[in-house]
Each structure stands twice: as C-alpha cells, then as structure tokens.
Amino acid sequence: MLLENGSVAAPKRQPLFSFGVVSDVQYADIPDGRSFLRVPRYYRHSLLVLQRAVQSWNNTDNLSFAINFGDIVNGFCPRDESLHAVKKVVAEFEKFNGPVYHMIGNHCLYNLPR
C-alpha cells in the first residue's frame, strides 16, 4: 500500500506465533569478576535477569514457548557446584507459563558430566 508521503506500508497481519528467547544465562554462585577476555561479569546477578525475562514472558499475551540457547552455567562455576547451579536456573525457567526448550551450550559441556 502506497502512502501519501511516498512510503510503503505493509498490510497489518497477526504473527503466526510468538516466543521468548534467552541465551547465555551463565549463572555461577561466585563473586563478580571478569570473563576470559576481561569483560566484567555479574555471575549471581544473571539469575535475576532470567527471572525478569520469565516474568516478562508471562506478562506477554500469546507466547507459544520459550527457547534457551544454552550456557546455563558459566565456565568459572566450580564443577562440583555446576549441577546445583543448573537445577537452580532450570527452576526459574519452570516458572514460565508454557514449554521451554533447552539447547546445550559449550559451558554446560565443560562443567557437567556427560
């Protein structure tokens, strides 16, 4: 559709579906620090960020599902604490009012038994 100002407007259509996406939660119950590349990291704070995302998803109409693109735990998470950390993060994902699909990230492979 051509508008008076010469621009083109697409017809309004409803999306086929909507979904939530999150990646690289990288939770660890350790003090804040820096990544391998010296970027500041807030390991414990990542759980709060995930909680906000899930709350936002739950407040959004018509989300069909959510996808976690991996790296639930950070590489600095002590290996003997990693499984507990994953369970803590998964518990937050379970608060979403719909299905969540998880992919395995490289940090999960580094930190967890196979």
C-alpha atoms as a PDB file:
ATOM      1  CA  MET A   1       0.000   0.000   0.000  1.00  0.00           C
ATOM      2  CA  LEU A   2       1.470   3.369  -1.069  1.00  0.00           C
ATOM      3  CA  LEU A   3       1.038   6.177   1.467  1.00  0.00           C
ATOM      4  CA  GLU A   4       0.664   9.903   0.673  1.00  0.00           C
ATOM      5  CA  ASN A   5       4.261  10.583   1.738  1.00  0.00           C
ATOM      6  CA  GLY A   6       5.523   8.066  -0.812  1.00  0.00           C
ATOM      7  CA  SER A   7       6.428   5.330   1.666  1.00  0.00           C
ATOM      8  CA  VAL A   8       5.073   1.833   1.505  1.00  0.00           C
ATOM      9  CA  ALA A   9       3.140   0.239   4.364  1.00  0.00           C
ATOM     10  CA  ALA A  10       2.776  -3.496   4.691  1.00  0.00           C
ATOM     11  CA  PRO A  11      -0.687  -4.765   5.483  1.00  0.00           C
ATOM     12  CA  LYS A  12      -1.164  -5.476   9.183  1.00  0.00           C
ATOM     13  CA  ARG A  13      -1.161  -9.171   9.908  1.00  0.00           C
ATOM     14  CA  GLN A  14      -1.013 -11.133  13.090  1.00  0.00           C
ATOM     15  CA  PRO A  15       2.160 -13.176  13.597  1.00  0.00           C
ATOM     16  CA  LEU A  16       1.829 -16.910  13.195  1.00  0.00           C
ATOM     17  CA  PHE A  17       3.260 -17.324  16.689  1.00  0.00           C
ATOM     18  CA  SER A  18       5.491 -15.555  19.214  1.00  0.00           C
ATOM     19  CA  PHE A  19       8.120 -16.978  21.517  1.00  0.00           C
ATOM     20  CA  GLY A  20      10.653 -15.925  24.143  1.00  0.00           C
ATOM     21  CA  VAL A  21      14.396 -16.297  23.651  1.00  0.00           C
ATOM     22  CA  VAL A  22      17.275 -16.227  26.084  1.00  0.00           C
ATOM     23  CA  SER A  23      20.895 -17.224  25.717  1.00  0.00           C
ATOM     24  CA  ASP A  24      23.979 -17.370  27.885  1.00  0.00           C
ATOM     25  CA  VAL A  25      22.489 -17.091  31.372  1.00  0.00           C
ATOM     26  CA  GLN A  26      25.937 -18.201  32.570  1.00  0.00           C
ATOM     27  CA  TYR A  27      24.948 -18.374  36.237  1.00  0.00           C
ATOM     28  CA  ALA A  28      27.510 -19.199  38.909  1.00  0.00           C
ATOM     29  CA  ASP A  29      27.263 -18.715  42.665  1.00  0.00           C
ATOM     30  CA  ILE A  30      30.624 -16.941  42.770  1.00  0.00           C
ATOM     31  CA  PRO A  31      31.689 -13.303  43.278  1.00  0.00           C
ATOM     32  CA  ASP A  32      31.558 -10.911  40.340  1.00  0.00           C
ATOM     33  CA  GLY A  33      34.623 -10.982  38.157  1.00  0.00           C
ATOM     34  CA  ARG A  34      35.780 -10.793  34.572  1.00  0.00           C
ATOM     35  CA  SER A  35      35.494 -13.075  31.602  1.00  0.00           C
ATOM     36  CA  PHE A  36      38.463 -14.678  29.897  1.00  0.00           C
ATOM     37  CA  LEU A  37      38.530 -11.531  27.726  1.00  0.00           C
ATOM     38  CA  ARG A  38      38.440  -9.251  30.812  1.00  0.00           C
ATOM     39  CA  VAL A  39      34.800  -8.182  30.312  1.00  0.00           C
ATOM     40  CA  PRO A  40      33.038  -7.502  33.668  1.00  0.00           C
ATOM     41  CA  ARG A  41      30.726 -10.381  34.666  1.00  0.00           C
ATOM     42  CA  TYR A  42      27.981 -10.441  37.287  1.00  0.00           C
ATOM     43  CA  TYR A  43      27.526 -14.169  37.794  1.00  0.00           C
ATOM     44  CA  ARG A  44      24.917 -14.206  40.564  1.00  0.00           C
ATOM     45  CA  HIS A  45      23.004 -11.317  39.005  1.00  0.00           C
ATOM     46  CA  SER A  46      22.294 -13.410  35.910  1.00  0.00           C
ATOM     47  CA  LEU A  47      19.599 -15.283  37.837  1.00  0.00           C
ATOM     48  CA  LEU A  48      17.755 -12.004  38.468  1.00  0.00           C
ATOM     49  CA  VAL A  49      17.979 -11.136  34.774  1.00  0.00           C
ATOM     50  CA  LEU A  50      16.460 -14.524  33.897  1.00  0.00           C
ATOM     51  CA  GLN A  51      13.691 -14.009  36.468  1.00  0.00           C
ATOM     52  CA  ARG A  52      12.831 -10.695  34.802  1.00  0.00           C
ATOM     53  CA  ALA A  53      12.752 -12.338  31.391  1.00  0.00           C
ATOM     54  CA  VAL A  54      10.417 -15.099  32.571  1.00  0.00           C
ATOM     55  CA  GLN A  55       8.172 -12.555  34.284  1.00  0.00           C
ATOM     56  CA  SER A  56       8.060 -10.516  31.074  1.00  0.00           C
ATOM     57  CA  TRP A  57       7.189 -13.616  29.045  1.00  0.00           C
ATOM     58  CA  ASN A  58       4.401 -14.462  31.471  1.00  0.00           C
ATOM     59  CA  ASN A  59       3.022 -10.932  31.142  1.00  0.00           C
ATOM     60  CA  THR A  60       3.020 -11.132  27.340  1.00  0.00           C
ATOM     61  CA  ASP A  61      -0.062 -12.494  25.641  1.00  0.00           C
ATOM     62  CA  ASN A  62       0.180 -15.429  23.301  1.00  0.00           C
ATOM     63  CA  LEU A  63       3.761 -16.624  23.721  1.00  0.00           C
ATOM     64  CA  SER A  64       3.751 -20.165  22.419  1.00  0.00           C
ATOM     65  CA  PHE A  65       7.034 -21.285  24.007  1.00  0.00           C
ATOM     66  CA  ALA A  66      10.490 -20.145  25.085  1.00  0.00           C
ATOM     67  CA  ILE A  67      13.918 -21.218  23.897  1.00  0.00           C
ATOM     68  CA  ASN A  68      17.126 -21.243  25.918  1.00  0.00           C
ATOM     69  CA  PHE A  69      20.081 -21.225  23.545  1.00  0.00           C
ATOM     70  CA  GLY A  70      22.451 -22.724  26.087  1.00  0.00           C
ATOM     71  CA  ASP A  71      25.241 -21.910  28.501  1.00  0.00           C
ATOM     72  CA  ILE A  72      23.148 -22.067  31.661  1.00  0.00           C
ATOM     73  CA  VAL A  73      26.305 -22.098  33.791  1.00  0.00           C
ATOM     74  CA  ASN A  74      29.459 -20.050  33.469  1.00  0.00           C
ATOM     75  CA  GLY A  75      32.802 -21.684  32.811  1.00  0.00           C
ATOM     76  CA  PHE A  76      34.128 -20.358  36.141  1.00  0.00           C
ATOM     77  CA  CYS A  77      31.409 -22.166  38.092  1.00  0.00           C
ATOM     78  CA  PRO A  78      33.157 -24.829  40.197  1.00  0.00           C
ATOM     79  CA  ARG A  79      32.456 -28.205  38.645  1.00  0.00           C
ATOM     80  CA  ASP A  80      31.274 -29.698  41.916  1.00  0.00           C
ATOM     81  CA  GLU A  81      28.625 -26.924  42.104  1.00  0.00           C
ATOM     82  CA  SER A  82      27.608 -26.890  38.442  1.00  0.00           C
ATOM     83  CA  LEU A  83      24.774 -29.405  38.624  1.00  0.00           C
ATOM     84  CA  HIS A  84      23.226 -27.500  41.534  1.00  0.00           C
ATOM     85  CA  ALA A  85      23.605 -24.258  39.543  1.00  0.00           C
ATOM     86  CA  VAL A  86      21.848 -25.810  36.540  1.00  0.00           C
ATOM     87  CA  LYS A  87      18.988 -27.006  38.743  1.00  0.00           C
ATOM     88  CA  LYS A  88      18.633 -23.506  40.194  1.00  0.00           C
ATOM     89  CA  VAL A  89      18.431 -21.946  36.727  1.00  0.00           C
ATOM     90  CA  VAL A  90      16.046 -24.601  35.402  1.00  0.00           C
ATOM     91  CA  ALA A  91      13.762 -23.903  38.383  1.00  0.00           C
ATOM     92  CA  GLU A  92      13.494 -20.304  37.153  1.00  0.00           C
ATOM     93  CA  PHE A  93      12.698 -21.431  33.604  1.00  0.00           C
ATOM     94  CA  GLU A  94       9.962 -23.675  35.015  1.00  0.00           C
ATOM     95  CA  LYS A  95       8.134 -20.556  36.236  1.00  0.00           C
ATOM     96  CA  PHE A  96       7.293 -19.762  32.610  1.00  0.00           C
ATOM     97  CA  ASN A  97       3.647 -20.486  31.786  1.00  0.00           C
ATOM     98  CA  GLY A  98       4.491 -22.596  28.765  1.00  0.00           C
ATOM     99  CA  PRO A  99       7.025 -25.050  27.410  1.00  0.00           C
ATOM    100  CA  VAL A 100      10.736 -24.189  27.432  1.00  0.00           C
ATOM    101  CA  TYR A 101      13.153 -25.842  25.016  1.00  0.00           C
ATOM    102  CA  HIS A 102      16.799 -26.005  26.056  1.00  0.00           C
ATOM    103  CA  MET A 103      19.883 -26.302  23.913  1.00  0.00           C
ATOM    104  CA  ILE A 104      23.164 -27.425  25.404  1.00  0.00           C
ATOM    105  CA  GLY A 105      25.940 -24.855  25.363  1.00  0.00           C
ATOM    106  CA  ASN A 106      29.673 -25.368  25.468  1.00  0.00           C
ATOM    107  CA  HIS A 107      29.871 -24.209  29.102  1.00  0.00           C
ATOM    108  CA  CYS A 108      27.387 -26.925  30.045  1.00  0.00           C
ATOM    109  CA  LEU A 109      29.653 -29.467  28.371  1.00  0.00           C
ATOM    110  CA  TYR A 110      32.735 -28.118  30.152  1.00  0.00           C
ATOM    111  CA  ASN A 111      31.147 -28.124  33.584  1.00  0.00           C
ATOM    112  CA  LEU A 112      28.795 -31.112  33.676  1.00  0.00           C
ATOM    113  CA  PRO A 113      29.324 -34.847  33.481  1.00  0.00           C
ATOM    114  CA  ARG A 114      28.293 -36.347  30.184  1.00  0.00           C
END
